[in-house]
Amino acid sequence: MSNSTLVNPQSMMDTLSIHTEMAKGAIKITPNPKDHGVQPASFTELMETKVAAINFDQNASSALMRAVDSGESDDLVGAMVASQKASLSFSTMIQIRNRLVQAFDEVMKMPL
């Protein structure tokens, strides 16, 4: 396995710290469109971004697990945390998809 396929632990820690700050409310994730001339992201763009992030988590988890399995890394805890993160992200995406399908079905059942 080449080094380019392994996840940089520092970038993972940076991402974790950003998410922690976002959860605390210290970082706002929605820009004000009037301030920067930025259009709010469309639903499609948001979904594409989230699916890509979940795919990245899955790939990172697989790379870490493969490194542990092959003996290249001894970070079993990090690999298991990445695996659980990927699993939780995927489960969340499935639940969101189910809610969207349910909402669509409800809209389709409405009389005109």
PDB file of N, CA and C in Angstrom:
ATOM      1  N   MET A   1       0.849  -1.179   0.000  1.00  0.00           N
ATOM      2  CA  MET A   1       0.000   0.000   0.000  1.00  0.00           C
ATOM      3  C   MET A   1       0.883   1.226   0.000  1.00  0.00           C
ATOM      4  N   SER A   2       0.580   2.177  -0.837  1.00  0.00           N
ATOM      5  CA  SER A   2       1.378   3.391  -0.918  1.00  0.00           C
ATOM      6  C   SER A   2       0.971   4.356   0.184  1.00  0.00           C
ATOM      7  N   ASN A   3       1.865   5.270   0.492  1.00  0.00           N
ATOM      8  CA  ASN A   3       1.584   6.256   1.536  1.00  0.00           C
ATOM      9  C   ASN A   3       0.490   7.219   1.137  1.00  0.00           C
ATOM     10  N   SER A   4       0.226   7.378  -0.161  1.00  0.00           N
ATOM     11  CA  SER A   4      -0.795   8.318  -0.601  1.00  0.00           C
ATOM     12  C   SER A   4      -2.202   7.839  -0.270  1.00  0.00           C
ATOM     13  N   THR A   5      -2.380   6.528  -0.033  1.00  0.00           N
ATOM     14  CA  THR A   5      -3.712   6.026   0.278  1.00  0.00           C
ATOM     15  C   THR A   5      -3.999   6.038   1.766  1.00  0.00           C
ATOM     16  N   LEU A   6      -2.962   6.235   2.599  1.00  0.00           N
ATOM     17  CA  LEU A   6      -3.186   6.278   4.038  1.00  0.00           C
ATOM     18  C   LEU A   6      -3.692   7.652   4.445  1.00  0.00           C
ATOM     19  N   VAL A   7      -4.470   7.677   5.496  1.00  0.00           N
ATOM     20  CA  VAL A   7      -5.039   8.927   5.982  1.00  0.00           C
ATOM     21  C   VAL A   7      -4.027   9.606   6.893  1.00  0.00           C
ATOM     22  N   ASN A   8      -3.870  10.889   6.729  1.00  0.00           N
ATOM     23  CA  ASN A   8      -2.976  11.670   7.562  1.00  0.00           C
ATOM     24  C   ASN A   8      -3.623  11.871   8.928  1.00  0.00           C
ATOM     25  N   PRO A   9      -2.998  11.349  10.004  1.00  0.00           N
ATOM     26  CA  PRO A   9      -3.612  11.486  11.336  1.00  0.00           C
ATOM     27  C   PRO A   9      -3.789  12.939  11.749  1.00  0.00           C
ATOM     28  N   GLN A  10      -2.869  13.821  11.332  1.00  0.00           N
ATOM     29  CA  GLN A  10      -2.995  15.223  11.712  1.00  0.00           C
ATOM     30  C   GLN A  10      -4.218  15.849  11.066  1.00  0.00           C
ATOM     31  N   SER A  11      -4.490  15.506   9.783  1.00  0.00           N
ATOM     32  CA  SER A  11      -5.669  16.076   9.134  1.00  0.00           C
ATOM     33  C   SER A  11      -6.943  15.547   9.782  1.00  0.00           C
ATOM     34  N   MET A  12      -6.898  14.291  10.249  1.00  0.00           N
ATOM     35  CA  MET A  12      -8.063  13.745  10.951  1.00  0.00           C
ATOM     36  C   MET A  12      -8.289  14.503  12.266  1.00  0.00           C
ATOM     37  N   MET A  13      -7.200  14.823  12.975  1.00  0.00           N
ATOM     38  CA  MET A  13      -7.320  15.569  14.227  1.00  0.00           C
ATOM     39  C   MET A  13      -7.814  16.989  13.964  1.00  0.00           C
ATOM     40  N   ASP A  14      -7.340  17.603  12.870  1.00  0.00           N
ATOM     41  CA  ASP A  14      -7.813  18.938  12.505  1.00  0.00           C
ATOM     42  C   ASP A  14      -9.306  18.909  12.204  1.00  0.00           C
ATOM     43  N   THR A  15      -9.740  17.893  11.458  1.00  0.00           N
ATOM     44  CA  THR A  15     -11.158  17.750  11.138  1.00  0.00           C
ATOM     45  C   THR A  15     -11.974  17.550  12.401  1.00  0.00           C
ATOM     46  N   LEU A  16     -11.474  16.722  13.317  1.00  0.00           N
ATOM     47  CA  LEU A  16     -12.166  16.478  14.573  1.00  0.00           C
ATOM     48  C   LEU A  16     -12.288  17.757  15.389  1.00  0.00           C
ATOM     49  N   SER A  17     -11.222  18.551  15.431  1.00  0.00           N
ATOM     50  CA  SER A  17     -11.286  19.794  16.207  1.00  0.00           C
ATOM     51  C   SER A  17     -12.266  20.784  15.577  1.00  0.00           C
ATOM     52  N   ILE A  18     -12.331  20.819  14.245  1.00  0.00           N
ATOM     53  CA  ILE A  18     -13.291  21.699  13.578  1.00  0.00           C
ATOM     54  C   ILE A  18     -14.712  21.266  13.903  1.00  0.00           C
ATOM     55  N   HIS A  19     -14.973  19.950  13.856  1.00  0.00           N
ATOM     56  CA  HIS A  19     -16.306  19.457  14.173  1.00  0.00           C
ATOM     57  C   HIS A  19     -16.662  19.734  15.636  1.00  0.00           C
ATOM     58  N   THR A  20     -15.678  19.639  16.517  1.00  0.00           N
ATOM     59  CA  THR A  20     -15.917  19.931  17.931  1.00  0.00           C
ATOM     60  C   THR A  20     -16.301  21.394  18.110  1.00  0.00           C
ATOM     61  N   GLU A  21     -15.575  22.279  17.441  1.00  0.00           N
ATOM     62  CA  GLU A  21     -15.886  23.706  17.532  1.00  0.00           C
ATOM     63  C   GLU A  21     -17.262  24.008  16.931  1.00  0.00           C
ATOM     64  N   MET A  22     -17.608  23.321  15.842  1.00  0.00           N
ATOM     65  CA  MET A  22     -18.924  23.518  15.229  1.00  0.00           C
ATOM     66  C   MET A  22     -20.020  23.068  16.191  1.00  0.00           C
ATOM     67  N   ALA A  23     -19.786  21.952  16.890  1.00  0.00           N
ATOM     68  CA  ALA A  23     -20.778  21.445  17.834  1.00  0.00           C
ATOM     69  C   ALA A  23     -20.959  22.406  19.011  1.00  0.00           C
ATOM     70  N   LYS A  24     -19.881  23.055  19.411  1.00  0.00           N
ATOM     71  CA  LYS A  24     -19.964  24.010  20.508  1.00  0.00           C
ATOM     72  C   LYS A  24     -20.616  25.315  20.072  1.00  0.00           C
ATOM     73  N   GLY A  25     -20.716  25.524  18.771  1.00  0.00           N
ATOM     74  CA  GLY A  25     -21.304  26.755  18.265  1.00  0.00           C
ATOM     75  C   GLY A  25     -20.292  27.848  18.036  1.00  0.00           C
ATOM     76  N   ALA A  26     -19.009  27.536  18.215  1.00  0.00           N
ATOM     77  CA  ALA A  26     -17.975  28.548  18.028  1.00  0.00           C
ATOM     78  C   ALA A  26     -17.753  28.858  16.555  1.00  0.00           C
ATOM     79  N   ILE A  27     -18.030  27.895  15.690  1.00  0.00           N
ATOM     80  CA  ILE A  27     -17.871  28.087  14.253  1.00  0.00           C
ATOM     81  C   ILE A  27     -19.241  27.978  13.616  1.00  0.00           C
ATOM     82  N   LYS A  28     -19.601  28.962  12.843  1.00  0.00           N
ATOM     83  CA  LYS A  28     -20.871  28.939  12.118  1.00  0.00           C
ATOM     84  C   LYS A  28     -20.627  28.335  10.745  1.00  0.00           C
ATOM     85  N   ILE A  29     -21.480  27.392  10.335  1.00  0.00           N
ATOM     86  CA  ILE A  29     -21.248  26.718   9.063  1.00  0.00           C
ATOM     87  C   ILE A  29     -22.082  27.281   7.927  1.00  0.00           C
ATOM     88  N   THR A  30     -23.006  28.169   8.233  1.00  0.00           N
ATOM     89  CA  THR A  30     -23.838  28.746   7.173  1.00  0.00           C
ATOM     90  C   THR A  30     -23.424  30.183   6.938  1.00  0.00           C
ATOM     91  N   PRO A  31     -22.836  30.468   5.784  1.00  0.00           N
ATOM     92  CA  PRO A  31     -22.433  31.843   5.508  1.00  0.00           C
ATOM     93  C   PRO A  31     -23.645  32.721   5.225  1.00  0.00           C
ATOM     94  N   ASN A  32     -23.497  33.986   5.478  1.00  0.00           N
ATOM     95  CA  ASN A  32     -24.541  34.946   5.169  1.00  0.00           C
ATOM     96  C   ASN A  32     -24.390  35.316   3.698  1.00  0.00           C
ATOM     97  N   PRO A  33     -25.362  34.964   2.845  1.00  0.00           N
ATOM     98  CA  PRO A  33     -25.222  35.242   1.413  1.00  0.00           C
ATOM     99  C   PRO A  33     -25.061  36.715   1.094  1.00  0.00           C
ATOM    100  N   LYS A  34     -25.620  37.607   1.919  1.00  0.00           N
ATOM    101  CA  LYS A  34     -25.532  39.044   1.654  1.00  0.00           C
ATOM    102  C   LYS A  34     -24.116  39.565   1.869  1.00  0.00           C
ATOM    103  N   ASP A  35     -23.377  38.950   2.815  1.00  0.00           N
ATOM    104  CA  ASP A  35     -22.031  39.418   3.126  1.00  0.00           C
ATOM    105  C   ASP A  35     -21.024  39.079   2.037  1.00  0.00           C
ATOM    106  N   HIS A  36     -21.124  37.899   1.466  1.00  0.00           N
ATOM    107  CA  HIS A  36     -20.083  37.424   0.566  1.00  0.00           C
ATOM    108  C   HIS A  36     -20.567  37.192  -0.857  1.00  0.00           C
ATOM    109  N   GLY A  37     -21.802  37.447  -1.130  1.00  0.00           N
ATOM    110  CA  GLY A  37     -22.319  37.182  -2.458  1.00  0.00           C
ATOM    111  C   GLY A  37     -22.387  35.693  -2.766  1.00  0.00           C
ATOM    112  N   VAL A  38     -22.411  34.862  -1.748  1.00  0.00           N
ATOM    113  CA  VAL A  38     -22.428  33.415  -1.930  1.00  0.00           C
ATOM    114  C   VAL A  38     -23.874  32.940  -1.937  1.00  0.00           C
ATOM    115  N   GLN A  39     -24.209  32.141  -2.923  1.00  0.00           N
ATOM    116  CA  GLN A  39     -25.541  31.559  -2.971  1.00  0.00           C
ATOM    117  C   GLN A  39     -25.599  30.379  -2.006  1.00  0.00           C
ATOM    118  N   PRO A  40     -26.713  30.205  -1.291  1.00  0.00           N
ATOM    119  CA  PRO A  40     -26.821  29.031  -0.428  1.00  0.00           C
ATOM    120  C   PRO A  40     -26.773  27.765  -1.285  1.00  0.00           C
ATOM    121  N   ALA A  41     -26.204  26.727  -0.716  1.00  0.00           N
ATOM    122  CA  ALA A  41     -26.073  25.464  -1.441  1.00  0.00           C
ATOM    123  C   ALA A  41     -27.452  24.857  -1.686  1.00  0.00           C
ATOM    124  N   SER A  42     -27.603  24.260  -2.845  1.00  0.00           N
ATOM    125  CA  SER A  42     -28.865  23.592  -3.146  1.00  0.00           C
ATOM    126  C   SER A  42     -28.920  22.259  -2.402  1.00  0.00           C
ATOM    127  N   PHE A  43     -30.099  21.694  -2.333  1.00  0.00           N
ATOM    128  CA  PHE A  43     -30.272  20.408  -1.672  1.00  0.00           C
ATOM    129  C   PHE A  43     -29.412  19.348  -2.344  1.00  0.00           C
ATOM    130  N   THR A  44     -29.373  19.374  -3.660  1.00  0.00           N
ATOM    131  CA  THR A  44     -28.571  18.404  -4.404  1.00  0.00           C
ATOM    132  C   THR A  44     -27.095  18.531  -4.048  1.00  0.00           C
ATOM    133  N   GLU A  45     -26.595  19.764  -3.989  1.00  0.00           N
ATOM    134  CA  GLU A  45     -25.198  19.972  -3.638  1.00  0.00           C
ATOM    135  C   GLU A  45     -24.902  19.497  -2.223  1.00  0.00           C
ATOM    136  N   LEU A  46     -25.812  19.774  -1.293  1.00  0.00           N
ATOM    137  CA  LEU A  46     -25.629  19.311   0.082  1.00  0.00           C
ATOM    138  C   LEU A  46     -25.580  17.788   0.157  1.00  0.00           C
ATOM    139  N   MET A  47     -26.494  17.134  -0.557  1.00  0.00           N
ATOM    140  CA  MET A  47     -26.514  15.672  -0.533  1.00  0.00           C
ATOM    141  C   MET A  47     -25.258  15.093  -1.177  1.00  0.00           C
ATOM    142  N   GLU A  48     -24.826  15.678  -2.293  1.00  0.00           N
ATOM    143  CA  GLU A  48     -23.605  15.202  -2.950  1.00  0.00           C
ATOM    144  C   GLU A  48     -22.397  15.356  -2.017  1.00  0.00           C
ATOM    145  N   THR A  49     -22.341  16.469  -1.307  1.00  0.00           N
ATOM    146  CA  THR A  49     -21.237  16.710  -0.382  1.00  0.00           C
ATOM    147  C   THR A  49     -21.247  15.686   0.748  1.00  0.00           C
ATOM    148  N   LYS A  50     -22.422  15.432   1.303  1.00  0.00           N
ATOM    149  CA  LYS A  50     -22.518  14.485   2.412  1.00  0.00           C
ATOM    150  C   LYS A  50     -22.211  13.057   1.963  1.00  0.00           C
ATOM    151  N   VAL A  51     -22.702  12.670   0.800  1.00  0.00           N
ATOM    152  CA  VAL A  51     -22.420  11.318   0.292  1.00  0.00           C
ATOM    153  C   VAL A  51     -20.919  11.173   0.031  1.00  0.00           C
ATOM    154  N   ALA A  52     -20.294  12.215  -0.505  1.00  0.00           N
ATOM    155  CA  ALA A  52     -18.848  12.171  -0.737  1.00  0.00           C
ATOM    156  C   ALA A  52     -18.088  12.070   0.582  1.00  0.00           C
ATOM    157  N   ALA A  53     -18.539  12.779   1.606  1.00  0.00           N
ATOM    158  CA  ALA A  53     -17.887  12.713   2.913  1.00  0.00           C
ATOM    159  C   ALA A  53     -18.027  11.320   3.519  1.00  0.00           C
ATOM    160  N   ILE A  54     -19.205  10.725   3.382  1.00  0.00           N
ATOM    161  CA  ILE A  54     -19.420   9.375   3.903  1.00  0.00           C
ATOM    162  C   ILE A  54     -18.567   8.375   3.135  1.00  0.00           C
ATOM    163  N   ASN A  55     -18.468   8.555   1.834  1.00  0.00           N
ATOM    164  CA  ASN A  55     -17.608   7.691   1.025  1.00  0.00           C
ATOM    165  C   ASN A  55     -16.150   7.827   1.463  1.00  0.00           C
ATOM    166  N   PHE A  56     -15.708   9.051   1.740  1.00  0.00           N
ATOM    167  CA  PHE A  56     -14.350   9.273   2.220  1.00  0.00           C
ATOM    168  C   PHE A  56     -14.129   8.552   3.543  1.00  0.00           C
ATOM    169  N   ASP A  57     -15.102   8.665   4.470  1.00  0.00           N
ATOM    170  CA  ASP A  57     -14.989   7.974   5.757  1.00  0.00           C
ATOM    171  C   ASP A  57     -14.886   6.465   5.567  1.00  0.00           C
ATOM    172  N   GLN A  58     -15.684   5.921   4.656  1.00  0.00           N
ATOM    173  CA  GLN A  58     -15.638   4.478   4.384  1.00  0.00           C
ATOM    174  C   GLN A  58     -14.268   4.078   3.831  1.00  0.00           C
ATOM    175  N   ASN A  59     -13.755   4.860   2.882  1.00  0.00           N
ATOM    176  CA  ASN A  59     -12.452   4.553   2.283  1.00  0.00           C
ATOM    177  C   ASN A  59     -11.323   4.681   3.296  1.00  0.00           C
ATOM    178  N   ALA A  60     -11.392   5.710   4.136  1.00  0.00           N
ATOM    179  CA  ALA A  60     -10.368   5.902   5.165  1.00  0.00           C
ATOM    180  C   ALA A  60     -10.392   4.751   6.162  1.00  0.00           C
ATOM    181  N   SER A  61     -11.578   4.340   6.550  1.00  0.00           N
ATOM    182  CA  SER A  61     -11.721   3.216   7.471  1.00  0.00           C
ATOM    183  C   SER A  61     -11.148   1.945   6.860  1.00  0.00           C
ATOM    184  N   SER A  62     -11.455   1.708   5.600  1.00  0.00           N
ATOM    185  CA  SER A  62     -10.933   0.512   4.923  1.00  0.00           C
ATOM    186  C   SER A  62      -9.411   0.543   4.853  1.00  0.00           C
ATOM    187  N   ALA A  63      -8.846   1.716   4.559  1.00  0.00           N
ATOM    188  CA  ALA A  63      -7.389   1.837   4.467  1.00  0.00           C
ATOM    189  C   ALA A  63      -6.733   1.580   5.818  1.00  0.00           C
ATOM    190  N   LEU A  64      -7.316   2.117   6.877  1.00  0.00           N
ATOM    191  CA  LEU A  64      -6.764   1.902   8.211  1.00  0.00           C
ATOM    192  C   LEU A  64      -6.872   0.442   8.630  1.00  0.00           C
ATOM    193  N   MET A  65      -8.009  -0.175   8.347  1.00  0.00           N
ATOM    194  CA  MET A  65      -8.187  -1.592   8.693  1.00  0.00           C
ATOM    195  C   MET A  65      -7.230  -2.470   7.895  1.00  0.00           C
ATOM    196  N   ARG A  66      -7.043  -2.147   6.625  1.00  0.00           N
ATOM    197  CA  ARG A  66      -6.126  -2.908   5.781  1.00  0.00           C
ATOM    198  C   ARG A  66      -4.693  -2.770   6.300  1.00  0.00           C
ATOM    199  N   ALA A  67      -4.323  -1.566   6.746  1.00  0.00           N
ATOM    200  CA  ALA A  67      -2.985  -1.344   7.291  1.00  0.00           C
ATOM    201  C   ALA A  67      -2.769  -2.146   8.565  1.00  0.00           C
ATOM    202  N   VAL A  68      -3.779  -2.214   9.410  1.00  0.00           N
ATOM    203  CA  VAL A  68      -3.669  -3.002  10.639  1.00  0.00           C
ATOM    204  C   VAL A  68      -3.603  -4.489  10.297  1.00  0.00           C
ATOM    205  N   ASP A  69      -4.449  -4.932   9.366  1.00  0.00           N
ATOM    206  CA  ASP A  69      -4.466  -6.346   8.978  1.00  0.00           C
ATOM    207  C   ASP A  69      -3.141  -6.801   8.376  1.00  0.00           C
ATOM    208  N   SER A  70      -2.503  -5.934   7.609  1.00  0.00           N
ATOM    209  CA  SER A  70      -1.255  -6.314   6.941  1.00  0.00           C
ATOM    210  C   SER A  70      -0.032  -6.095   7.828  1.00  0.00           C
ATOM    211  N   GLY A  71      -0.220  -5.493   8.984  1.00  0.00           N
ATOM    212  CA  GLY A  71       0.892  -5.272   9.898  1.00  0.00           C
ATOM    213  C   GLY A  71       1.637  -3.979   9.656  1.00  0.00           C
ATOM    214  N   GLU A  72       1.179  -3.157   8.743  1.00  0.00           N
ATOM    215  CA  GLU A  72       1.830  -1.876   8.470  1.00  0.00           C
ATOM    216  C   GLU A  72       1.603  -0.880   9.598  1.00  0.00           C
ATOM    217  N   SER A  73       0.542  -1.072  10.344  1.00  0.00           N
ATOM    218  CA  SER A  73       0.195  -0.154  11.428  1.00  0.00           C
ATOM    219  C   SER A  73      -0.215  -0.972  12.643  1.00  0.00           C
ATOM    220  N   ASP A  74       0.027  -0.412  13.818  1.00  0.00           N
ATOM    221  CA  ASP A  74      -0.438  -1.068  15.044  1.00  0.00           C
ATOM    222  C   ASP A  74      -1.511  -0.240  15.738  1.00  0.00           C
ATOM    223  N   ASP A  75      -2.105   0.679  15.014  1.00  0.00           N
ATOM    224  CA  ASP A  75      -3.136   1.570  15.558  1.00  0.00           C
ATOM    225  C   ASP A  75      -4.514   0.922  15.418  1.00  0.00           C
ATOM    226  N   LEU A  76      -4.737  -0.117  16.182  1.00  0.00           N
ATOM    227  CA  LEU A  76      -6.018  -0.817  16.131  1.00  0.00           C
ATOM    228  C   LEU A  76      -7.149   0.063  16.640  1.00  0.00           C
ATOM    229  N   VAL A  77      -6.877   0.834  17.679  1.00  0.00           N
ATOM    230  CA  VAL A  77      -7.912   1.716  18.241  1.00  0.00           C
ATOM    231  C   VAL A  77      -8.345   2.756  17.212  1.00  0.00           C
ATOM    232  N   GLY A  78      -7.389   3.371  16.527  1.00  0.00           N
ATOM    233  CA  GLY A  78      -7.709   4.353  15.497  1.00  0.00           C
ATOM    234  C   GLY A  78      -8.509   3.746  14.363  1.00  0.00           C
ATOM    235  N   ALA A  79      -8.143   2.520  13.983  1.00  0.00           N
ATOM    236  CA  ALA A  79      -8.870   1.831  12.916  1.00  0.00           C
ATOM    237  C   ALA A  79     -10.295   1.513  13.345  1.00  0.00           C
ATOM    238  N   MET A  80     -10.469   1.102  14.584  1.00  0.00           N
ATOM    239  CA  MET A  80     -11.813   0.780  15.065  1.00  0.00           C
ATOM    240  C   MET A  80     -12.668   2.044  15.206  1.00  0.00           C
ATOM    241  N   VAL A  81     -12.067   3.127  15.645  1.00  0.00           N
ATOM    242  CA  VAL A  81     -12.806   4.396  15.749  1.00  0.00           C
ATOM    243  C   VAL A  81     -13.241   4.860  14.362  1.00  0.00           C
ATOM    244  N   ALA A  82     -12.331   4.761  13.395  1.00  0.00           N
ATOM    245  CA  ALA A  82     -12.671   5.146  12.020  1.00  0.00           C
ATOM    246  C   ALA A  82     -13.777   4.252  11.475  1.00  0.00           C
ATOM    247  N   SER A  83     -13.720   2.973  11.805  1.00  0.00           N
ATOM    248  CA  SER A  83     -14.752   2.036  11.353  1.00  0.00           C
ATOM    249  C   SER A  83     -16.113   2.382  11.957  1.00  0.00           C
ATOM    250  N   GLN A  84     -16.129   2.693  13.224  1.00  0.00           N
ATOM    251  CA  GLN A  84     -17.385   3.056  13.883  1.00  0.00           C
ATOM    252  C   GLN A  84     -17.921   4.379  13.350  1.00  0.00           C
ATOM    253  N   LYS A  85     -17.022   5.325  13.082  1.00  0.00           N
ATOM    254  CA  LYS A  85     -17.438   6.612  12.520  1.00  0.00           C
ATOM    255  C   LYS A  85     -18.080   6.400  11.149  1.00  0.00           C
ATOM    256  N   ALA A  86     -17.441   5.576  10.329  1.00  0.00           N
ATOM    257  CA  ALA A  86     -17.972   5.292   8.994  1.00  0.00           C
ATOM    258  C   ALA A  86     -19.320   4.588   9.091  1.00  0.00           C
ATOM    259  N   SER A  87     -19.426   3.648  10.008  1.00  0.00           N
ATOM    260  CA  SER A  87     -20.679   2.918  10.183  1.00  0.00           C
ATOM    261  C   SER A  87     -21.800   3.850  10.644  1.00  0.00           C
ATOM    262  N   LEU A  88     -21.500   4.714  11.593  1.00  0.00           N
ATOM    263  CA  LEU A  88     -22.502   5.651  12.101  1.00  0.00           C
ATOM    264  C   LEU A  88     -22.919   6.647  11.021  1.00  0.00           C
ATOM    265  N   SER A  89     -21.951   7.125  10.244  1.00  0.00           N
ATOM    266  CA  SER A  89     -22.268   8.054   9.152  1.00  0.00           C
ATOM    267  C   SER A  89     -23.178   7.394   8.129  1.00  0.00           C
ATOM    268  N   PHE A  90     -22.864   6.156   7.791  1.00  0.00           N
ATOM    269  CA  PHE A  90     -23.669   5.443   6.804  1.00  0.00           C
ATOM    270  C   PHE A  90     -25.079   5.188   7.333  1.00  0.00           C
ATOM    271  N   SER A  91     -25.185   4.779   8.587  1.00  0.00           N
ATOM    272  CA  SER A  91     -26.504   4.544   9.190  1.00  0.00           C
ATOM    273  C   SER A  91     -27.337   5.820   9.222  1.00  0.00           C
ATOM    274  N   THR A  92     -26.689   6.929   9.525  1.00  0.00           N
ATOM    275  CA  THR A  92     -27.387   8.214   9.539  1.00  0.00           C
ATOM    276  C   THR A  92     -27.891   8.571   8.152  1.00  0.00           C
ATOM    277  N   MET A  93     -27.051   8.342   7.141  1.00  0.00           N
ATOM    278  CA  MET A  93     -27.460   8.629   5.767  1.00  0.00           C
ATOM    279  C   MET A  93     -28.661   7.764   5.366  1.00  0.00           C
ATOM    280  N   ILE A  94     -28.669   6.501   5.771  1.00  0.00           N
ATOM    281  CA  ILE A  94     -29.785   5.611   5.454  1.00  0.00           C
ATOM    282  C   ILE A  94     -31.061   6.114   6.129  1.00  0.00           C
ATOM    283  N   GLN A  95     -30.968   6.555   7.373  1.00  0.00           N
ATOM    284  CA  GLN A  95     -32.143   7.073   8.075  1.00  0.00           C
ATOM    285  C   GLN A  95     -32.671   8.343   7.416  1.00  0.00           C
ATOM    286  N   ILE A  96     -31.770   9.202   6.974  1.00  0.00           N
ATOM    287  CA  ILE A  96     -32.197  10.414   6.273  1.00  0.00           C
ATOM    288  C   ILE A  96     -32.880  10.054   4.967  1.00  0.00           C
ATOM    289  N   ARG A  97     -32.298   9.091   4.243  1.00  0.00           N
ATOM    290  CA  ARG A  97     -32.921   8.647   2.998  1.00  0.00           C
ATOM    291  C   ARG A  97     -34.319   8.094   3.255  1.00  0.00           C
ATOM    292  N   ASN A  98     -34.470   7.293   4.303  1.00  0.00           N
ATOM    293  CA  ASN A  98     -35.779   6.727   4.630  1.00  0.00           C
ATOM    294  C   ASN A  98     -36.793   7.821   4.950  1.00  0.00           C
ATOM    295  N   ARG A  99     -36.363   8.849   5.679  1.00  0.00           N
ATOM    296  CA  ARG A  99     -37.265   9.967   5.996  1.00  0.00           C
ATOM    297  C   ARG A  99     -37.664  10.728   4.744  1.00  0.00           C
ATOM    298  N   LEU A 100     -36.711  10.919   3.838  1.00  0.00           N
ATOM    299  CA  LEU A 100     -37.019  11.623   2.592  1.00  0.00           C
ATOM    300  C   LEU A 100     -38.002  10.832   1.736  1.00  0.00           C
ATOM    301  N   VAL A 101     -37.814   9.527   1.655  1.00  0.00           N
ATOM    302  CA  VAL A 101     -38.735   8.678   0.891  1.00  0.00           C
ATOM    303  C   VAL A 101     -40.119   8.712   1.524  1.00  0.00           C
ATOM    304  N   GLN A 102     -40.167   8.656   2.846  1.00  0.00           N
ATOM    305  CA  GLN A 102     -41.449   8.714   3.554  1.00  0.00           C
ATOM    306  C   GLN A 102     -42.145  10.057   3.288  1.00  0.00           C
ATOM    307  N   ALA A 103     -41.401  11.153   3.330  1.00  0.00           N
ATOM    308  CA  ALA A 103     -41.985  12.466   3.063  1.00  0.00           C
ATOM    309  C   ALA A 103     -42.482  12.559   1.626  1.00  0.00           C
ATOM    310  N   PHE A 104     -41.709  12.008   0.687  1.00  0.00           N
ATOM    311  CA  PHE A 104     -42.119  12.012  -0.713  1.00  0.00           C
ATOM    312  C   PHE A 104     -43.408  11.218  -0.892  1.00  0.00           C
ATOM    313  N   ASP A 105     -43.508  10.070  -0.230  1.00  0.00           N
ATOM    314  CA  ASP A 105     -44.731   9.258  -0.313  1.00  0.00           C
ATOM    315  C   ASP A 105     -45.941  10.022   0.227  1.00  0.00           C
ATOM    316  N   GLU A 106     -45.721  10.759   1.323  1.00  0.00           N
ATOM    317  CA  GLU A 106     -46.807  11.548   1.899  1.00  0.00           C
ATOM    318  C   GLU A 106     -47.253  12.651   0.938  1.00  0.00           C
ATOM    319  N   VAL A 107     -46.316  13.283   0.282  1.00  0.00           N
ATOM    320  CA  VAL A 107     -46.645  14.338  -0.675  1.00  0.00           C
ATOM    321  C   VAL A 107     -47.423  13.726  -1.850  1.00  0.00           C
ATOM    322  N   MET A 108     -46.985  12.558  -2.313  1.00  0.00           N
ATOM    323  CA  MET A 108     -47.662  11.917  -3.440  1.00  0.00           C
ATOM    324  C   MET A 108     -49.083  11.480  -3.099  1.00  0.00           C
ATOM    325  N   LYS A 109     -49.362  11.214  -1.828  1.00  0.00           N
ATOM    326  CA  LYS A 109     -50.696  10.780  -1.402  1.00  0.00           C
ATOM    327  C   LYS A 109     -51.659  11.962  -1.219  1.00  0.00           C
ATOM    328  N   MET A 110     -51.111  13.173  -1.220  1.00  0.00           N
ATOM    329  CA  MET A 110     -51.983  14.345  -1.011  1.00  0.00           C
ATOM    330  C   MET A 110     -52.894  14.543  -2.213  1.00  0.00           C
ATOM    331  N   PRO A 111     -54.168  14.848  -1.936  1.00  0.00           N
ATOM    332  CA  PRO A 111     -55.074  15.120  -3.053  1.00  0.00           C
ATOM    333  C   PRO A 111     -54.784  16.497  -3.661  1.00  0.00           C
ATOM    334  N   LEU A 112     -55.041  16.605  -4.925  1.00  0.00           N
ATOM    335  CA  LEU A 112     -54.801  17.885  -5.606  1.00  0.00           C
ATOM    336  C   LEU A 112     -55.890  18.864  -5.344  1.00  0.00           C
TER     337      LEU A 112
END
